[in-house]
N, C-alpha and C. Protein backbone atom coordinates (compact mmCIF):
# COMPACT_ATOMS: atom_id res chain seq x y z
N MET A 1 -0.43 -22.89 6.41
CA MET A 1 -0.38 -21.32 5.97
C MET A 1 -2.09 -21.03 5.84
N ASN A 2 -2.22 -19.98 6.44
CA ASN A 2 -3.63 -19.52 6.62
C ASN A 2 -3.92 -18.75 5.05
N LEU A 3 -5.33 -18.62 4.70
CA LEU A 3 -5.68 -18.24 3.40
C LEU A 3 -5.12 -16.70 3.19
N LYS A 4 -4.79 -15.69 4.18
CA LYS A 4 -4.12 -14.40 3.98
C LYS A 4 -2.54 -14.40 4.03
N SER A 5 -2.22 -15.45 4.30
CA SER A 5 -0.69 -15.54 4.14
C SER A 5 -0.32 -16.02 2.57
N VAL A 6 -1.06 -16.84 2.22
CA VAL A 6 -1.24 -17.17 0.82
C VAL A 6 -1.50 -15.92 -0.26
N ALA A 7 -2.52 -15.30 0.17
CA ALA A 7 -2.86 -14.16 -0.61
C ALA A 7 -1.85 -13.11 -0.71
N MET A 8 -1.12 -13.07 0.73
CA MET A 8 0.00 -11.97 0.87
C MET A 8 1.19 -12.72 -0.04
N ALA A 9 1.43 -13.78 0.16
CA ALA A 9 2.51 -14.27 -0.76
C ALA A 9 2.26 -13.97 -2.53
N ALA A 10 1.08 -14.31 -2.73
CA ALA A 10 0.95 -14.17 -4.33
C ALA A 10 0.72 -12.65 -4.57
N VAL A 11 0.55 -11.74 -3.60
CA VAL A 11 0.62 -10.44 -4.20
C VAL A 11 2.04 -9.88 -4.21
N MET A 12 3.03 -10.68 -3.58
CA MET A 12 4.10 -10.40 -3.23
C MET A 12 5.20 -10.78 -4.48
N ALA A 13 4.42 -12.14 -5.00
CA ALA A 13 5.22 -12.38 -5.91
C ALA A 13 4.68 -11.58 -7.39
N LEU A 14 3.48 -10.92 -7.52
CA LEU A 14 3.26 -10.38 -8.49
C LEU A 14 3.58 -8.98 -8.36
N ALA A 15 4.19 -8.43 -7.13
CA ALA A 15 4.46 -6.97 -7.06
C ALA A 15 5.87 -6.94 -7.79
N ALA A 16 6.55 -8.33 -7.81
CA ALA A 16 7.99 -7.96 -8.48
C ALA A 16 7.94 -8.06 -9.80
N LEU A 17 6.68 -8.29 -10.93
CA LEU A 17 6.58 -8.08 -12.30
C LEU A 17 6.69 -6.73 -12.25
N PRO A 18 6.34 -5.28 -11.76
CA PRO A 18 6.68 -4.04 -12.04
C PRO A 18 8.00 -3.85 -12.00
N VAL A 19 8.83 -4.62 -10.75
CA VAL A 19 10.12 -4.18 -11.11
C VAL A 19 10.89 -4.75 -12.01
N ILE A 20 10.62 -5.89 -12.57
CA ILE A 20 11.33 -6.65 -13.57
C ILE A 20 11.03 -5.86 -15.03
N ALA A 21 9.51 -5.23 -15.10
CA ALA A 21 9.06 -4.50 -16.10
C ALA A 21 10.05 -2.91 -16.09
N ALA A 22 10.20 -2.41 -15.04
CA ALA A 22 11.10 -1.35 -14.85
C ALA A 22 12.58 -1.47 -15.32
N GLU A 23 12.77 -2.83 -14.93
CA GLU A 23 14.53 -3.11 -15.15
C GLU A 23 14.50 -2.93 -17.04
N GLU A 24 13.52 -3.38 -17.81
CA GLU A 24 13.58 -3.05 -19.18
C GLU A 24 12.96 -2.03 -19.62
N GLY A 25 13.32 -0.99 -19.03
CA GLY A 25 12.97 0.38 -19.73
C GLY A 25 11.32 0.76 -19.41
N GLU A 26 10.46 0.23 -18.64
CA GLU A 26 9.09 0.60 -18.63
C GLU A 26 8.82 1.47 -17.63
N GLU A 27 7.78 1.83 -17.27
CA GLU A 27 7.42 2.34 -15.76
C GLU A 27 6.62 1.40 -14.99
N PRO A 28 7.07 1.08 -13.95
CA PRO A 28 6.27 0.25 -12.90
C PRO A 28 5.04 0.79 -12.72
N GLU A 29 4.10 -0.16 -12.55
CA GLU A 29 2.48 0.41 -12.03
C GLU A 29 1.86 -0.16 -10.88
N TYR A 30 1.42 0.56 -9.86
CA TYR A 30 1.04 0.09 -8.77
C TYR A 30 -0.68 0.52 -9.01
N GLY A 31 -1.29 0.31 -9.75
CA GLY A 31 -2.74 0.52 -9.70
C GLY A 31 -2.84 2.12 -10.25
N VAL A 32 -3.70 2.32 -9.31
CA VAL A 32 -4.03 4.22 -9.12
C VAL A 32 -3.14 4.92 -8.31
N LEU A 33 -2.11 4.24 -7.40
CA LEU A 33 -1.31 4.65 -6.78
C LEU A 33 -0.18 5.76 -7.25
N VAL A 34 0.04 6.79 -6.63
CA VAL A 34 1.02 7.56 -7.54
C VAL A 34 2.42 6.79 -7.00
N ASP A 35 2.94 7.04 -8.13
CA ASP A 35 4.33 6.27 -8.44
C ASP A 35 5.61 6.87 -7.81
N LYS A 36 5.67 7.22 -6.59
CA LYS A 36 6.68 7.70 -5.71
C LYS A 36 7.40 6.31 -4.68
N PRO A 37 8.55 6.96 -4.23
CA PRO A 37 8.68 6.07 -3.14
C PRO A 37 7.99 5.65 -2.30
N GLY A 38 7.73 4.33 -1.94
CA GLY A 38 6.79 4.03 -0.79
C GLY A 38 5.66 3.21 -1.89
N ALA A 39 5.53 3.49 -3.08
CA ALA A 39 4.21 2.87 -3.58
C ALA A 39 4.30 1.62 -3.35
N GLU A 40 5.32 1.05 -4.27
CA GLU A 40 5.71 -0.33 -3.94
C GLU A 40 5.25 -1.39 -2.84
N GLU A 41 5.62 -0.75 -1.74
CA GLU A 41 5.17 -1.41 -0.23
C GLU A 41 4.14 -1.22 0.00
N THR A 42 3.50 0.02 -0.06
CA THR A 42 1.94 0.34 0.23
C THR A 42 1.26 -0.79 -0.96
N TYR A 43 1.31 -0.69 -1.99
CA TYR A 43 0.59 -1.31 -3.01
C TYR A 43 0.68 -2.72 -2.59
N ILE A 44 1.94 -3.23 -2.12
CA ILE A 44 2.13 -4.87 -1.55
C ILE A 44 0.87 -5.15 -0.44
N TYR A 45 1.37 -4.41 0.56
CA TYR A 45 0.41 -4.67 1.95
C TYR A 45 -1.10 -4.44 1.72
N CYS A 46 -1.80 -2.85 0.83
CA CYS A 46 -2.93 -2.73 0.82
C CYS A 46 -3.48 -3.62 -0.13
N ALA A 47 -3.11 -4.03 -1.19
CA ALA A 47 -3.81 -4.74 -2.32
C ALA A 47 -3.71 -6.22 -1.92
N ALA A 48 -2.96 -6.79 -0.78
CA ALA A 48 -3.58 -8.08 -0.29
C ALA A 48 -4.73 -8.30 0.20
N CYS A 49 -5.42 -7.28 0.66
CA CYS A 49 -7.10 -7.37 1.18
C CYS A 49 -7.75 -6.69 0.44
N HIS A 50 -7.64 -5.57 -0.38
CA HIS A 50 -8.52 -4.60 -1.14
C HIS A 50 -7.73 -4.22 -2.39
N SER A 51 -8.50 -3.49 -3.08
CA SER A 51 -8.04 -2.53 -4.18
C SER A 51 -7.47 -1.15 -3.55
N GLU A 52 -6.44 -0.96 -4.26
CA GLU A 52 -5.28 0.19 -4.38
C GLU A 52 -6.65 1.37 -3.97
N ARG A 53 -7.48 1.42 -4.93
CA ARG A 53 -8.19 2.29 -5.29
C ARG A 53 -8.96 2.96 -3.79
N ILE A 54 -9.03 2.02 -2.56
CA ILE A 54 -9.70 2.10 -1.59
C ILE A 54 -8.88 3.32 -0.70
N VAL A 55 -7.31 3.02 -1.24
CA VAL A 55 -6.22 3.77 -0.18
C VAL A 55 -6.36 5.28 -1.29
N ALA A 56 -6.58 4.94 -2.42
CA ALA A 56 -6.28 6.21 -3.25
C ALA A 56 -7.23 7.40 -2.47
N GLN A 57 -8.67 6.90 -2.47
CA GLN A 57 -9.71 7.99 -2.22
C GLN A 57 -9.86 8.57 -0.85
N GLN A 58 -8.67 8.25 0.02
CA GLN A 58 -9.01 8.38 1.30
C GLN A 58 -8.00 9.85 1.55
N GLY A 59 -8.08 10.43 2.56
CA GLY A 59 -7.61 11.75 2.95
C GLY A 59 -7.48 11.77 4.29
N LEU A 60 -6.29 11.06 4.83
CA LEU A 60 -6.19 11.09 6.22
C LEU A 60 -4.93 11.95 6.78
N THR A 61 -5.08 12.36 7.97
CA THR A 61 -3.57 12.67 8.34
C THR A 61 -2.80 11.55 8.82
N ARG A 62 -1.66 12.13 9.19
CA ARG A 62 -0.86 10.58 9.78
C ARG A 62 -1.24 9.87 11.14
N GLU A 63 -1.70 10.67 11.96
CA GLU A 63 -2.21 10.24 12.90
C GLU A 63 -3.41 9.13 12.46
N ASP A 64 -4.58 9.69 11.75
CA ASP A 64 -5.43 8.86 11.33
C ASP A 64 -4.89 7.64 10.63
N TRP A 65 -4.35 7.92 9.77
CA TRP A 65 -3.49 6.64 9.02
C TRP A 65 -2.83 5.69 10.09
N ILE A 66 -2.21 5.85 11.00
CA ILE A 66 -1.77 5.32 12.05
C ILE A 66 -3.06 4.45 12.78
N GLU A 67 -4.23 5.11 13.34
CA GLU A 67 -5.42 4.62 13.65
C GLU A 67 -5.96 3.71 13.11
N LEU A 68 -5.88 3.82 11.70
CA LEU A 68 -6.57 3.22 10.46
C LEU A 68 -5.78 1.66 10.23
N LEU A 69 -4.33 1.99 10.39
CA LEU A 69 -3.77 0.56 10.46
C LEU A 69 -3.83 -0.17 11.60
N GLU A 70 -3.74 0.30 12.70
CA GLU A 70 -4.04 -0.47 14.26
C GLU A 70 -5.55 -1.02 13.92
N TRP A 71 -6.36 -0.37 13.66
CA TRP A 71 -7.74 -0.82 13.37
C TRP A 71 -7.64 -2.00 12.60
N MET A 72 -7.26 -2.00 11.32
CA MET A 72 -7.01 -3.02 10.45
C MET A 72 -6.38 -4.23 11.11
N VAL A 73 -5.38 -4.19 11.71
CA VAL A 73 -4.72 -5.25 12.67
C VAL A 73 -5.50 -5.68 13.69
N ASP A 74 -6.31 -5.14 14.39
CA ASP A 74 -6.96 -5.19 15.56
C ASP A 74 -8.40 -5.79 15.16
N GLU A 75 -9.07 -5.28 14.32
CA GLU A 75 -10.40 -5.76 13.64
C GLU A 75 -10.48 -6.07 12.41
N GLN A 76 -9.83 -6.26 11.71
CA GLN A 76 -9.82 -6.83 9.99
C GLN A 76 -8.71 -8.10 9.86
N GLU A 77 -7.84 -8.62 11.29
CA GLU A 77 -7.12 -9.60 11.18
C GLU A 77 -5.87 -9.01 10.02
N MET A 78 -5.71 -7.95 9.77
CA MET A 78 -4.38 -7.77 8.90
C MET A 78 -3.24 -8.10 9.68
N GLU A 79 -2.29 -8.53 8.91
CA GLU A 79 -0.90 -8.72 9.72
C GLU A 79 -0.35 -7.29 9.97
N GLU A 80 0.30 -7.24 11.22
CA GLU A 80 1.16 -6.19 11.31
C GLU A 80 2.28 -5.85 10.60
N ILE A 81 2.48 -4.72 9.99
CA ILE A 81 3.34 -4.46 9.29
C ILE A 81 4.58 -4.47 10.05
N GLU A 82 5.68 -4.86 9.74
CA GLU A 82 6.89 -4.77 10.07
C GLU A 82 7.92 -3.49 9.60
N GLU A 83 8.58 -2.91 10.83
CA GLU A 83 9.53 -1.92 10.35
C GLU A 83 10.34 -2.61 9.07
N PRO A 84 11.41 -2.02 8.14
CA PRO A 84 11.34 -0.51 7.81
C PRO A 84 9.95 -0.37 7.23
N ASP A 85 9.23 -1.30 6.81
CA ASP A 85 8.00 -1.01 5.84
C ASP A 85 6.93 -0.39 6.17
N TYR A 86 6.71 -0.45 7.61
CA TYR A 86 5.85 0.37 8.43
C TYR A 86 5.77 1.77 7.92
N THR A 87 7.06 2.05 8.33
CA THR A 87 7.41 3.43 8.50
C THR A 87 7.49 4.01 6.99
N ILE A 88 7.84 3.35 5.99
CA ILE A 88 7.91 3.43 4.37
C ILE A 88 6.29 3.68 3.98
N VAL A 89 5.45 2.71 4.52
CA VAL A 89 4.06 2.72 4.02
C VAL A 89 3.87 4.00 4.62
N LEU A 90 3.92 4.36 6.11
CA LEU A 90 3.03 5.33 6.67
C LEU A 90 3.40 6.96 6.13
N ASP A 91 4.70 6.65 5.90
CA ASP A 91 5.18 7.96 5.14
C ASP A 91 4.58 8.70 3.72
N TYR A 92 4.40 7.38 2.91
CA TYR A 92 3.97 7.51 1.68
C TYR A 92 2.20 8.09 1.54
N LEU A 93 1.84 7.11 2.73
CA LEU A 93 0.40 7.61 2.82
C LEU A 93 0.17 9.01 3.16
N SER A 94 0.95 9.19 4.13
CA SER A 94 0.72 10.53 4.91
C SER A 94 1.23 11.68 3.83
N LYS A 95 1.98 11.32 2.85
CA LYS A 95 2.58 12.65 2.15
C LYS A 95 1.81 12.45 0.86
N HIS A 96 1.11 11.40 0.34
CA HIS A 96 0.61 11.19 -0.87
C HIS A 96 -1.05 11.34 -0.89
N TYR A 97 -1.51 10.80 0.39
CA TYR A 97 -2.85 10.49 0.35
C TYR A 97 -3.58 11.44 1.68
N ASN A 98 -2.98 12.60 1.90
CA ASN A 98 -3.28 13.26 3.22
C ASN A 98 -4.83 13.96 3.10
N THR A 99 -4.87 14.89 4.06
CA THR A 99 -6.20 15.58 3.86
C THR A 99 -6.30 16.50 3.04
N ASP A 100 -5.14 16.73 2.05
CA ASP A 100 -5.54 17.53 0.84
C ASP A 100 -5.75 16.91 -0.48
N ARG A 101 -5.42 15.66 -0.01
CA ARG A 101 -6.01 14.42 -1.03
C ARG A 101 -5.29 14.99 -2.37
N PRO A 102 -3.90 15.12 -2.69
CA PRO A 102 -3.48 15.62 -3.64
C PRO A 102 -3.10 14.55 -5.03
N ASN A 103 -3.59 13.32 -4.71
CA ASN A 103 -3.38 12.26 -5.46
C ASN A 103 -4.71 11.69 -5.67
N PHE A 104 -5.91 12.19 -5.34
CA PHE A 104 -7.13 11.81 -5.33
C PHE A 104 -7.19 11.28 -6.80
N PRO A 105 -8.01 10.03 -7.03
CA PRO A 105 -8.11 9.53 -8.69
C PRO A 105 -9.34 10.17 -8.86
N LYS A 106 -9.00 10.45 -10.26
CA LYS A 106 -10.04 11.17 -11.22
C LYS A 106 -10.91 10.28 -11.95
């Protein structure tokens, strides 16, 4: 198991904690990411390698998000995101972190 796989496993294990908290009546938390459908998957995949703040400061079109994800796989050794998670993450990023940057962190 390589370091990246270990890091991803750790992030996925930690990502379950907000779900447990939500079941107890508390709000789930994904750092600065807007808490909408797809936030959990996006947080799991993105925070495995870098802060979610890097994601939240972007303002990219859907096509640019696709290109960026491809670049991260090709050049940064990111594991490919398999379906259905790929579409969930892409839909989330395209909606909440598009060129109008509706959720740019304050």
